[in-house]
Amino acid sequence: MISARLAGFIGVSAAAVSEMVHRLEREGLVELDGRKEVHLTKTGQALADHVVRRHRLAERMLVDLLGYEWWKTHEEAERIEHAMSPEMEERLVRVLGDPQTCPHGNPMPGAKPRPTKPLESVARGATAMIERIPDQFEHEPGFLEYLDTQGLRPGITIRVLDGPHGDALRVEVDGKQRTIRADCGQKVWVRA
């Protein structure tokens, strides 16, 4: 990723990203290539995977143990992931039965992901199971809640009735026809 895209993604200035990237480079967590693209080193990737795993375990804890709505966990898990001790992480793995995905269906680091594709690639009349909502779409305010109001969440089987036309996509969920936002075609990933 280039620094400018990173600045836009995390919502800070290019100067702040440049400073962060250089600090991470000094610590051996990232490298810059000849095109000034930022890449995680092996050490950086291991640390990133560790944080992602704690985040996804925190989301699982919030849903499976505390009864949070699946779409409401991201911000709370952001706070918990940094405070989680190794002992707490181990206990969560044991109590939760070593979950392989987060509530949004994304695999734990190290788990083998199942093949998925965007909903928009499913043929009209075909059925598919919602497998996951990729990480980048979890951050869109209200998107996961919108999916929930439409009955769309990981583990649900849907049938595509009509492909994206303009701003709508028609699907069948639990025997009921739904007209959903066209962007769901790219943001909801399924397996056939």
N, C-alpha and C. Protein backbone atom coordinates (compact mmCIF):
# COMPACT_ATOMS: atom_id res chain seq x y z
N MET A 1 0.85 -1.17 0.00
CA MET A 1 0.00 0.00 0.00
C MET A 1 0.90 1.23 0.00
N ILE A 2 0.48 2.26 -0.72
CA ILE A 2 1.26 3.50 -0.69
C ILE A 2 0.76 4.37 0.46
N SER A 3 1.63 5.23 0.94
CA SER A 3 1.32 6.05 2.12
C SER A 3 0.09 6.92 1.93
N ALA A 4 -0.12 7.45 0.74
CA ALA A 4 -1.28 8.32 0.50
C ALA A 4 -2.58 7.56 0.70
N ARG A 5 -2.64 6.33 0.21
CA ARG A 5 -3.85 5.52 0.40
C ARG A 5 -4.03 5.18 1.87
N LEU A 6 -2.95 4.89 2.53
CA LEU A 6 -2.99 4.58 3.95
C LEU A 6 -3.52 5.78 4.74
N ALA A 7 -3.06 6.98 4.39
CA ALA A 7 -3.54 8.20 5.06
C ALA A 7 -5.04 8.35 4.89
N GLY A 8 -5.53 8.13 3.68
CA GLY A 8 -6.96 8.23 3.43
C GLY A 8 -7.75 7.18 4.18
N PHE A 9 -7.22 5.96 4.23
CA PHE A 9 -7.92 4.86 4.89
C PHE A 9 -8.07 5.10 6.38
N ILE A 10 -7.00 5.56 7.02
CA ILE A 10 -7.08 5.74 8.48
C ILE A 10 -7.47 7.16 8.88
N GLY A 11 -7.62 8.04 7.89
CA GLY A 11 -8.14 9.37 8.16
C GLY A 11 -7.18 10.31 8.87
N VAL A 12 -5.90 10.25 8.51
CA VAL A 12 -4.92 11.18 9.08
C VAL A 12 -4.15 11.83 7.94
N SER A 13 -3.35 12.82 8.26
CA SER A 13 -2.60 13.54 7.23
C SER A 13 -1.48 12.67 6.66
N ALA A 14 -1.05 13.01 5.45
CA ALA A 14 0.05 12.29 4.80
C ALA A 14 1.34 12.42 5.63
N ALA A 15 1.54 13.59 6.25
CA ALA A 15 2.74 13.80 7.08
C ALA A 15 2.72 12.85 8.29
N ALA A 16 1.56 12.69 8.90
CA ALA A 16 1.46 11.80 10.06
C ALA A 16 1.74 10.35 9.65
N VAL A 17 1.22 9.95 8.48
CA VAL A 17 1.47 8.60 7.99
C VAL A 17 2.94 8.41 7.70
N SER A 18 3.55 9.40 7.07
CA SER A 18 4.98 9.31 6.75
C SER A 18 5.81 9.10 8.01
N GLU A 19 5.49 9.85 9.04
CA GLU A 19 6.19 9.71 10.31
C GLU A 19 5.98 8.32 10.91
N MET A 20 4.73 7.84 10.88
CA MET A 20 4.43 6.50 11.41
C MET A 20 5.16 5.42 10.63
N VAL A 21 5.14 5.53 9.30
CA VAL A 21 5.78 4.52 8.46
C VAL A 21 7.27 4.47 8.73
N HIS A 22 7.91 5.63 8.86
CA HIS A 22 9.35 5.64 9.14
C HIS A 22 9.67 5.05 10.51
N ARG A 23 8.82 5.30 11.49
CA ARG A 23 9.03 4.70 12.81
C ARG A 23 8.88 3.18 12.73
N LEU A 24 7.83 2.71 12.02
CA LEU A 24 7.62 1.27 11.86
C LEU A 24 8.76 0.62 11.08
N GLU A 25 9.32 1.36 10.13
CA GLU A 25 10.45 0.86 9.36
C GLU A 25 11.68 0.70 10.27
N ARG A 26 11.93 1.69 11.12
CA ARG A 26 13.05 1.62 12.07
C ARG A 26 12.90 0.44 13.03
N GLU A 27 11.64 0.13 13.39
CA GLU A 27 11.38 -0.98 14.30
C GLU A 27 11.36 -2.34 13.60
N GLY A 28 11.55 -2.34 12.27
CA GLY A 28 11.61 -3.59 11.52
C GLY A 28 10.26 -4.22 11.23
N LEU A 29 9.19 -3.42 11.29
CA LEU A 29 7.85 -3.96 11.07
C LEU A 29 7.36 -3.78 9.64
N VAL A 30 7.89 -2.76 8.93
CA VAL A 30 7.52 -2.53 7.53
C VAL A 30 8.77 -2.24 6.72
N GLU A 31 8.63 -2.40 5.41
CA GLU A 31 9.68 -2.04 4.46
C GLU A 31 9.05 -1.20 3.36
N LEU A 32 9.82 -0.30 2.78
CA LEU A 32 9.38 0.47 1.62
C LEU A 32 10.14 -0.08 0.42
N ASP A 33 9.40 -0.34 -0.67
CA ASP A 33 10.08 -0.83 -1.87
C ASP A 33 10.46 0.35 -2.76
N GLY A 34 10.99 0.07 -3.93
CA GLY A 34 11.45 1.11 -4.85
C GLY A 34 10.36 2.05 -5.31
N ARG A 35 9.11 1.59 -5.25
CA ARG A 35 7.97 2.45 -5.66
C ARG A 35 7.33 3.14 -4.46
N LYS A 36 7.99 3.08 -3.31
CA LYS A 36 7.52 3.70 -2.06
C LYS A 36 6.25 3.04 -1.52
N GLU A 37 6.04 1.77 -1.89
CA GLU A 37 4.93 1.02 -1.33
C GLU A 37 5.36 0.43 0.00
N VAL A 38 4.42 0.42 0.95
CA VAL A 38 4.68 -0.07 2.30
C VAL A 38 4.29 -1.55 2.36
N HIS A 39 5.22 -2.39 2.83
CA HIS A 39 4.97 -3.82 2.97
C HIS A 39 5.33 -4.25 4.39
N LEU A 40 4.52 -5.12 4.97
CA LEU A 40 4.84 -5.67 6.28
C LEU A 40 6.02 -6.63 6.15
N THR A 41 6.91 -6.59 7.11
CA THR A 41 7.97 -7.59 7.20
C THR A 41 7.36 -8.84 7.84
N LYS A 42 8.15 -9.91 7.93
CA LYS A 42 7.67 -11.12 8.60
C LYS A 42 7.27 -10.81 10.05
N THR A 43 8.11 -10.03 10.72
CA THR A 43 7.82 -9.65 12.11
C THR A 43 6.56 -8.79 12.17
N GLY A 44 6.44 -7.85 11.24
CA GLY A 44 5.25 -6.99 11.18
C GLY A 44 3.99 -7.78 10.92
N GLN A 45 4.07 -8.75 10.01
CA GLN A 45 2.90 -9.59 9.69
C GLN A 45 2.49 -10.41 10.90
N ALA A 46 3.47 -10.97 11.62
CA ALA A 46 3.16 -11.77 12.81
C ALA A 46 2.47 -10.92 13.87
N LEU A 47 2.95 -9.70 14.07
CA LEU A 47 2.33 -8.80 15.04
C LEU A 47 0.92 -8.41 14.60
N ALA A 48 0.76 -8.09 13.31
CA ALA A 48 -0.56 -7.74 12.78
C ALA A 48 -1.53 -8.91 12.95
N ASP A 49 -1.09 -10.12 12.64
CA ASP A 49 -1.95 -11.30 12.80
C ASP A 49 -2.37 -11.48 14.25
N HIS A 50 -1.44 -11.21 15.17
CA HIS A 50 -1.73 -11.34 16.60
C HIS A 50 -2.83 -10.36 17.02
N VAL A 51 -2.73 -9.13 16.56
CA VAL A 51 -3.74 -8.12 16.91
C VAL A 51 -5.09 -8.47 16.27
N VAL A 52 -5.07 -8.90 15.02
CA VAL A 52 -6.32 -9.29 14.34
C VAL A 52 -6.97 -10.46 15.08
N ARG A 53 -6.18 -11.43 15.48
CA ARG A 53 -6.73 -12.58 16.21
C ARG A 53 -7.39 -12.14 17.51
N ARG A 54 -6.73 -11.28 18.27
CA ARG A 54 -7.32 -10.79 19.52
C ARG A 54 -8.60 -10.01 19.26
N HIS A 55 -8.60 -9.22 18.20
CA HIS A 55 -9.80 -8.45 17.85
C HIS A 55 -10.96 -9.40 17.54
N ARG A 56 -10.70 -10.40 16.73
CA ARG A 56 -11.76 -11.33 16.33
C ARG A 56 -12.21 -12.19 17.51
N LEU A 57 -11.29 -12.55 18.40
CA LEU A 57 -11.70 -13.26 19.62
C LEU A 57 -12.57 -12.36 20.49
N ALA A 58 -12.21 -11.09 20.59
CA ALA A 58 -13.03 -10.15 21.38
C ALA A 58 -14.43 -10.04 20.78
N GLU A 59 -14.52 -9.97 19.46
CA GLU A 59 -15.85 -9.92 18.82
C GLU A 59 -16.65 -11.18 19.12
N ARG A 60 -15.99 -12.34 19.06
CA ARG A 60 -16.67 -13.60 19.37
C ARG A 60 -17.15 -13.60 20.82
N MET A 61 -16.32 -13.13 21.74
CA MET A 61 -16.70 -13.07 23.14
C MET A 61 -17.94 -12.19 23.31
N LEU A 62 -17.93 -11.04 22.66
CA LEU A 62 -19.05 -10.11 22.79
C LEU A 62 -20.35 -10.72 22.29
N VAL A 63 -20.29 -11.46 21.18
CA VAL A 63 -21.49 -12.08 20.61
C VAL A 63 -21.86 -13.36 21.36
N ASP A 64 -20.91 -14.29 21.47
CA ASP A 64 -21.21 -15.62 21.98
C ASP A 64 -21.41 -15.68 23.49
N LEU A 65 -20.70 -14.83 24.23
CA LEU A 65 -20.80 -14.88 25.69
C LEU A 65 -21.64 -13.76 26.29
N LEU A 66 -21.58 -12.57 25.65
CA LEU A 66 -22.27 -11.43 26.24
C LEU A 66 -23.55 -11.02 25.50
N GLY A 67 -23.84 -11.69 24.40
CA GLY A 67 -25.11 -11.45 23.70
C GLY A 67 -25.20 -10.20 22.86
N TYR A 68 -24.06 -9.61 22.50
CA TYR A 68 -24.09 -8.44 21.61
C TYR A 68 -24.63 -8.86 20.25
N GLU A 69 -25.21 -7.90 19.53
CA GLU A 69 -25.60 -8.13 18.15
C GLU A 69 -24.33 -8.30 17.32
N TRP A 70 -24.34 -9.18 16.32
CA TRP A 70 -23.15 -9.47 15.52
C TRP A 70 -22.63 -8.22 14.81
N TRP A 71 -23.50 -7.31 14.49
CA TRP A 71 -23.11 -6.12 13.73
C TRP A 71 -22.62 -4.99 14.62
N LYS A 72 -22.67 -5.18 15.93
CA LYS A 72 -22.39 -4.11 16.88
C LYS A 72 -21.07 -4.27 17.63
N THR A 73 -20.20 -5.14 17.19
CA THR A 73 -19.06 -5.52 18.01
C THR A 73 -17.75 -4.80 17.70
N HIS A 74 -17.62 -4.24 16.52
CA HIS A 74 -16.31 -3.78 16.06
C HIS A 74 -15.65 -2.76 16.99
N GLU A 75 -16.34 -1.69 17.33
CA GLU A 75 -15.73 -0.63 18.15
C GLU A 75 -15.38 -1.12 19.55
N GLU A 76 -16.27 -1.93 20.13
CA GLU A 76 -15.99 -2.47 21.47
C GLU A 76 -14.76 -3.38 21.42
N ALA A 77 -14.67 -4.20 20.39
CA ALA A 77 -13.52 -5.10 20.24
C ALA A 77 -12.22 -4.33 20.02
N GLU A 78 -12.31 -3.16 19.37
CA GLU A 78 -11.12 -2.31 19.18
C GLU A 78 -10.50 -1.96 20.53
N ARG A 79 -11.35 -1.67 21.51
CA ARG A 79 -10.84 -1.30 22.83
C ARG A 79 -10.28 -2.52 23.56
N ILE A 80 -10.96 -3.64 23.44
CA ILE A 80 -10.57 -4.85 24.18
C ILE A 80 -9.27 -5.46 23.66
N GLU A 81 -9.08 -5.45 22.34
CA GLU A 81 -7.93 -6.14 21.74
C GLU A 81 -6.59 -5.68 22.30
N HIS A 82 -6.50 -4.41 22.65
CA HIS A 82 -5.23 -3.87 23.14
C HIS A 82 -5.02 -4.10 24.63
N ALA A 83 -6.09 -4.43 25.32
CA ALA A 83 -5.99 -4.66 26.76
C ALA A 83 -5.97 -6.15 27.11
N MET A 84 -6.14 -7.01 26.11
CA MET A 84 -6.25 -8.44 26.35
C MET A 84 -4.88 -9.05 26.69
N SER A 85 -4.82 -9.72 27.83
CA SER A 85 -3.58 -10.39 28.24
C SER A 85 -3.47 -11.74 27.53
N PRO A 86 -2.28 -12.31 27.48
CA PRO A 86 -2.14 -13.65 26.91
C PRO A 86 -3.01 -14.68 27.63
N GLU A 87 -3.14 -14.55 28.94
CA GLU A 87 -3.98 -15.49 29.69
C GLU A 87 -5.44 -15.37 29.27
N MET A 88 -5.92 -14.13 29.13
CA MET A 88 -7.31 -13.94 28.70
C MET A 88 -7.52 -14.52 27.30
N GLU A 89 -6.55 -14.30 26.43
CA GLU A 89 -6.65 -14.84 25.07
C GLU A 89 -6.76 -16.37 25.10
N GLU A 90 -5.92 -17.02 25.89
CA GLU A 90 -5.96 -18.48 26.02
C GLU A 90 -7.30 -18.96 26.56
N ARG A 91 -7.81 -18.27 27.58
CA ARG A 91 -9.09 -18.67 28.17
C ARG A 91 -10.23 -18.49 27.17
N LEU A 92 -10.19 -17.40 26.41
CA LEU A 92 -11.24 -17.19 25.41
C LEU A 92 -11.22 -18.28 24.35
N VAL A 93 -10.04 -18.64 23.91
CA VAL A 93 -9.92 -19.73 22.92
C VAL A 93 -10.56 -20.99 23.48
N ARG A 94 -10.26 -21.31 24.73
CA ARG A 94 -10.80 -22.52 25.36
C ARG A 94 -12.32 -22.43 25.54
N VAL A 95 -12.80 -21.34 26.10
CA VAL A 95 -14.23 -21.19 26.39
C VAL A 95 -15.06 -21.12 25.11
N LEU A 96 -14.51 -20.46 24.09
CA LEU A 96 -15.24 -20.30 22.83
C LEU A 96 -15.07 -21.49 21.89
N GLY A 97 -14.23 -22.45 22.28
CA GLY A 97 -14.03 -23.63 21.44
C GLY A 97 -13.14 -23.37 20.24
N ASP A 98 -12.14 -22.51 20.40
CA ASP A 98 -11.18 -22.18 19.34
C ASP A 98 -11.89 -21.81 18.04
N PRO A 99 -12.66 -20.72 18.05
CA PRO A 99 -13.42 -20.35 16.85
C PRO A 99 -12.50 -20.08 15.66
N GLN A 100 -12.97 -20.42 14.49
CA GLN A 100 -12.19 -20.25 13.27
C GLN A 100 -12.55 -18.98 12.52
N THR A 101 -13.64 -18.31 12.92
CA THR A 101 -14.05 -17.06 12.28
C THR A 101 -14.53 -16.07 13.31
N CYS A 102 -14.60 -14.81 12.90
CA CYS A 102 -15.24 -13.77 13.72
C CYS A 102 -16.74 -13.80 13.42
N PRO A 103 -17.56 -13.03 14.12
CA PRO A 103 -19.00 -13.02 13.85
C PRO A 103 -19.36 -12.55 12.43
N HIS A 104 -18.42 -11.88 11.77
CA HIS A 104 -18.68 -11.40 10.41
C HIS A 104 -18.25 -12.43 9.37
N GLY A 105 -17.76 -13.59 9.86
CA GLY A 105 -17.38 -14.69 8.98
C GLY A 105 -15.94 -14.69 8.51
N ASN A 106 -15.16 -13.70 8.89
CA ASN A 106 -13.76 -13.63 8.45
C ASN A 106 -12.91 -14.60 9.25
N PRO A 107 -11.99 -15.32 8.58
CA PRO A 107 -11.21 -16.34 9.27
C PRO A 107 -10.20 -15.75 10.25
N MET A 108 -9.95 -16.50 11.30
CA MET A 108 -8.88 -16.14 12.24
C MET A 108 -7.56 -16.26 11.50
N PRO A 109 -6.58 -15.41 11.80
CA PRO A 109 -5.27 -15.58 11.18
C PRO A 109 -4.76 -17.01 11.40
N GLY A 110 -4.26 -17.59 10.34
CA GLY A 110 -3.76 -18.96 10.40
C GLY A 110 -4.79 -20.00 10.03
N ALA A 111 -6.09 -19.66 10.12
CA ALA A 111 -7.13 -20.61 9.73
C ALA A 111 -7.22 -20.63 8.21
N LYS A 112 -7.57 -21.78 7.68
CA LYS A 112 -7.67 -21.90 6.23
C LYS A 112 -9.02 -21.32 5.79
N PRO A 113 -9.00 -20.24 4.99
CA PRO A 113 -10.26 -19.66 4.54
C PRO A 113 -10.94 -20.54 3.49
N ARG A 114 -12.26 -20.54 3.52
CA ARG A 114 -13.00 -21.26 2.49
C ARG A 114 -13.10 -20.37 1.25
N PRO A 115 -13.19 -20.98 0.07
CA PRO A 115 -13.31 -20.16 -1.14
C PRO A 115 -14.64 -19.38 -1.14
N THR A 116 -14.54 -18.10 -1.39
CA THR A 116 -15.73 -17.25 -1.43
C THR A 116 -15.67 -16.35 -2.65
N LYS A 117 -16.80 -15.75 -2.96
CA LYS A 117 -16.88 -14.81 -4.07
C LYS A 117 -17.95 -13.78 -3.75
N PRO A 118 -17.89 -12.62 -4.41
CA PRO A 118 -18.90 -11.59 -4.13
C PRO A 118 -20.28 -12.04 -4.57
N LEU A 119 -21.28 -11.61 -3.84
CA LEU A 119 -22.67 -11.94 -4.13
C LEU A 119 -23.03 -11.61 -5.58
N GLU A 120 -22.50 -10.50 -6.10
CA GLU A 120 -22.84 -10.08 -7.46
C GLU A 120 -22.44 -11.10 -8.53
N SER A 121 -21.55 -12.04 -8.19
CA SER A 121 -21.11 -13.04 -9.18
C SER A 121 -21.99 -14.29 -9.18
N VAL A 122 -22.99 -14.36 -8.30
CA VAL A 122 -23.89 -15.50 -8.26
C VAL A 122 -24.94 -15.35 -9.36
N ALA A 123 -25.14 -16.43 -10.12
CA ALA A 123 -26.10 -16.39 -11.24
C ALA A 123 -27.53 -16.25 -10.74
N ARG A 124 -28.35 -15.61 -11.55
CA ARG A 124 -29.77 -15.46 -11.22
C ARG A 124 -30.40 -16.84 -11.06
N GLY A 125 -31.16 -17.02 -9.99
CA GLY A 125 -31.81 -18.29 -9.70
C GLY A 125 -30.99 -19.21 -8.82
N ALA A 126 -29.71 -18.93 -8.68
CA ALA A 126 -28.83 -19.78 -7.87
C ALA A 126 -28.91 -19.40 -6.40
N THR A 127 -28.59 -20.38 -5.56
CA THR A 127 -28.54 -20.13 -4.12
C THR A 127 -27.08 -20.13 -3.66
N ALA A 128 -26.85 -19.43 -2.58
CA ALA A 128 -25.51 -19.37 -1.99
C ALA A 128 -25.66 -19.07 -0.51
N MET A 129 -24.65 -19.46 0.25
CA MET A 129 -24.63 -19.15 1.68
C MET A 129 -23.73 -17.95 1.92
N ILE A 130 -24.22 -17.00 2.71
CA ILE A 130 -23.38 -15.86 3.07
C ILE A 130 -22.27 -16.38 3.98
N GLU A 131 -21.04 -16.17 3.55
CA GLU A 131 -19.88 -16.65 4.29
C GLU A 131 -19.27 -15.55 5.14
N ARG A 132 -19.11 -14.34 4.55
CA ARG A 132 -18.41 -13.30 5.30
C ARG A 132 -18.68 -11.92 4.73
N ILE A 133 -18.41 -10.94 5.57
CA ILE A 133 -18.41 -9.53 5.19
C ILE A 133 -16.96 -9.10 5.35
N PRO A 134 -16.23 -8.88 4.24
CA PRO A 134 -14.80 -8.55 4.36
C PRO A 134 -14.56 -7.36 5.28
N ASP A 135 -13.40 -7.41 5.95
CA ASP A 135 -13.03 -6.41 6.96
C ASP A 135 -13.27 -4.96 6.54
N GLN A 136 -12.89 -4.61 5.32
CA GLN A 136 -12.97 -3.20 4.94
C GLN A 136 -14.40 -2.66 4.97
N PHE A 137 -15.41 -3.55 4.89
CA PHE A 137 -16.79 -3.09 4.90
C PHE A 137 -17.39 -3.06 6.30
N GLU A 138 -16.71 -3.69 7.27
CA GLU A 138 -17.18 -3.64 8.66
C GLU A 138 -17.12 -2.22 9.21
N HIS A 139 -16.26 -1.40 8.62
CA HIS A 139 -16.01 -0.06 9.15
C HIS A 139 -17.01 0.97 8.63
N GLU A 140 -17.85 0.60 7.69
CA GLU A 140 -18.81 1.56 7.14
C GLU A 140 -19.96 1.73 8.13
N PRO A 141 -20.14 2.93 8.63
CA PRO A 141 -21.20 3.15 9.61
C PRO A 141 -22.57 2.70 9.10
N GLY A 142 -23.20 1.85 9.88
CA GLY A 142 -24.55 1.42 9.56
C GLY A 142 -24.66 0.29 8.57
N PHE A 143 -23.58 -0.09 7.87
CA PHE A 143 -23.69 -1.11 6.84
C PHE A 143 -24.06 -2.47 7.42
N LEU A 144 -23.38 -2.91 8.48
CA LEU A 144 -23.69 -4.21 9.06
C LEU A 144 -25.10 -4.23 9.65
N GLU A 145 -25.49 -3.13 10.26
CA GLU A 145 -26.85 -3.06 10.80
C GLU A 145 -27.87 -3.13 9.67
N TYR A 146 -27.60 -2.46 8.54
CA TYR A 146 -28.48 -2.54 7.38
C TYR A 146 -28.63 -4.00 6.94
N LEU A 147 -27.50 -4.71 6.83
CA LEU A 147 -27.57 -6.12 6.42
C LEU A 147 -28.46 -6.91 7.38
N ASP A 148 -28.28 -6.68 8.67
CA ASP A 148 -29.07 -7.40 9.67
C ASP A 148 -30.56 -7.12 9.51
N THR A 149 -30.92 -5.87 9.23
CA THR A 149 -32.35 -5.55 9.06
C THR A 149 -32.93 -6.24 7.83
N GLN A 150 -32.08 -6.61 6.88
CA GLN A 150 -32.52 -7.31 5.68
C GLN A 150 -32.46 -8.83 5.83
N GLY A 151 -32.02 -9.30 7.00
CA GLY A 151 -31.90 -10.73 7.25
C GLY A 151 -30.65 -11.34 6.66
N LEU A 152 -29.69 -10.50 6.31
CA LEU A 152 -28.44 -10.96 5.70
C LEU A 152 -27.32 -10.96 6.73
N ARG A 153 -26.81 -12.16 7.03
CA ARG A 153 -25.69 -12.31 7.95
C ARG A 153 -25.00 -13.62 7.63
N PRO A 154 -23.76 -13.79 8.06
CA PRO A 154 -23.06 -15.04 7.78
C PRO A 154 -23.87 -16.25 8.27
N GLY A 155 -23.88 -17.28 7.41
CA GLY A 155 -24.60 -18.52 7.73
C GLY A 155 -25.98 -18.59 7.12
N ILE A 156 -26.48 -17.51 6.55
CA ILE A 156 -27.81 -17.47 5.95
C ILE A 156 -27.70 -17.85 4.47
N THR A 157 -28.63 -18.69 4.01
CA THR A 157 -28.69 -19.05 2.59
C THR A 157 -29.65 -18.12 1.89
N ILE A 158 -29.22 -17.62 0.73
CA ILE A 158 -30.06 -16.71 -0.05
C ILE A 158 -30.14 -17.21 -1.49
N ARG A 159 -31.17 -16.77 -2.19
CA ARG A 159 -31.30 -17.07 -3.61
C ARG A 159 -31.33 -15.74 -4.35
N VAL A 160 -30.53 -15.65 -5.39
CA VAL A 160 -30.49 -14.43 -6.19
C VAL A 160 -31.64 -14.47 -7.18
N LEU A 161 -32.51 -13.46 -7.13
CA LEU A 161 -33.65 -13.39 -8.03
C LEU A 161 -33.37 -12.54 -9.26
N ASP A 162 -32.60 -11.48 -9.05
CA ASP A 162 -32.29 -10.59 -10.16
C ASP A 162 -31.00 -9.84 -9.86
N GLY A 163 -30.13 -9.76 -10.86
CA GLY A 163 -28.84 -9.11 -10.70
C GLY A 163 -28.96 -7.63 -10.43
N PRO A 164 -27.83 -7.00 -10.13
CA PRO A 164 -27.86 -5.57 -9.82
C PRO A 164 -28.36 -4.75 -11.01
N HIS A 165 -29.35 -3.95 -10.75
CA HIS A 165 -29.88 -3.00 -11.73
C HIS A 165 -29.98 -1.66 -11.04
N GLY A 166 -29.20 -0.71 -11.49
CA GLY A 166 -29.23 0.61 -10.86
C GLY A 166 -28.77 0.51 -9.42
N ASP A 167 -29.67 0.82 -8.51
CA ASP A 167 -29.29 0.82 -7.09
C ASP A 167 -29.92 -0.32 -6.31
N ALA A 168 -30.32 -1.41 -6.99
CA ALA A 168 -31.00 -2.49 -6.28
C ALA A 168 -30.59 -3.87 -6.79
N LEU A 169 -30.73 -4.84 -5.90
CA LEU A 169 -30.47 -6.25 -6.17
C LEU A 169 -31.60 -7.01 -5.48
N ARG A 170 -32.24 -7.94 -6.18
CA ARG A 170 -33.35 -8.69 -5.58
C ARG A 170 -32.88 -10.08 -5.18
N VAL A 171 -33.17 -10.44 -3.92
CA VAL A 171 -32.80 -11.75 -3.39
C VAL A 171 -33.97 -12.32 -2.59
N GLU A 172 -33.89 -13.62 -2.31
CA GLU A 172 -34.87 -14.26 -1.45
C GLU A 172 -34.14 -14.75 -0.20
N VAL A 173 -34.67 -14.35 0.95
CA VAL A 173 -34.09 -14.72 2.24
C VAL A 173 -35.20 -15.32 3.08
N ASP A 174 -35.02 -16.56 3.54
CA ASP A 174 -36.04 -17.24 4.36
C ASP A 174 -37.41 -17.19 3.70
N GLY A 175 -37.46 -17.42 2.38
CA GLY A 175 -38.73 -17.45 1.65
C GLY A 175 -39.34 -16.10 1.35
N LYS A 176 -38.67 -15.01 1.74
CA LYS A 176 -39.19 -13.66 1.51
C LYS A 176 -38.31 -12.94 0.51
N GLN A 177 -38.94 -12.29 -0.46
CA GLN A 177 -38.18 -11.49 -1.42
C GLN A 177 -37.76 -10.18 -0.78
N ARG A 178 -36.54 -9.81 -1.07
CA ARG A 178 -35.99 -8.55 -0.56
C ARG A 178 -35.34 -7.81 -1.71
N THR A 179 -35.50 -6.50 -1.71
CA THR A 179 -34.75 -5.65 -2.62
C THR A 179 -33.71 -4.95 -1.77
N ILE A 180 -32.45 -5.26 -2.06
CA ILE A 180 -31.36 -4.72 -1.25
C ILE A 180 -30.50 -3.79 -2.08
N ARG A 181 -29.68 -3.01 -1.39
CA ARG A 181 -28.78 -2.08 -2.06
C ARG A 181 -27.83 -2.82 -3.00
N ALA A 182 -27.58 -2.23 -4.15
CA ALA A 182 -26.71 -2.86 -5.15
C ALA A 182 -25.29 -3.06 -4.62
N ASP A 183 -24.81 -2.17 -3.74
CA ASP A 183 -23.43 -2.31 -3.24
C ASP A 183 -23.24 -3.58 -2.41
N CYS A 184 -24.33 -4.20 -1.97
CA CYS A 184 -24.22 -5.48 -1.27
C CYS A 184 -23.62 -6.56 -2.16
N GLY A 185 -23.79 -6.39 -3.47
CA GLY A 185 -23.22 -7.35 -4.42
C GLY A 185 -21.71 -7.46 -4.32
N GLN A 186 -21.04 -6.37 -3.96
CA GLN A 186 -19.57 -6.40 -3.81
C GLN A 186 -19.15 -6.60 -2.36
N LYS A 187 -20.02 -6.27 -1.42
CA LYS A 187 -19.63 -6.25 -0.01
C LYS A 187 -20.03 -7.49 0.78
N VAL A 188 -20.89 -8.32 0.21
CA VAL A 188 -21.30 -9.56 0.85
C VAL A 188 -20.68 -10.70 0.05
N TRP A 189 -19.90 -11.54 0.73
CA TRP A 189 -19.21 -12.64 0.05
C TRP A 189 -19.85 -13.96 0.44
N VAL A 190 -20.01 -14.82 -0.55
CA VAL A 190 -20.76 -16.06 -0.39
C VAL A 190 -19.95 -17.26 -0.84
N ARG A 191 -20.47 -18.43 -0.50
CA ARG A 191 -19.95 -19.65 -1.12
C ARG A 191 -21.14 -20.40 -1.69
N ALA A 192 -20.92 -20.99 -2.83
CA ALA A 192 -22.03 -21.67 -3.54
C ALA A 192 -22.32 -23.01 -2.91
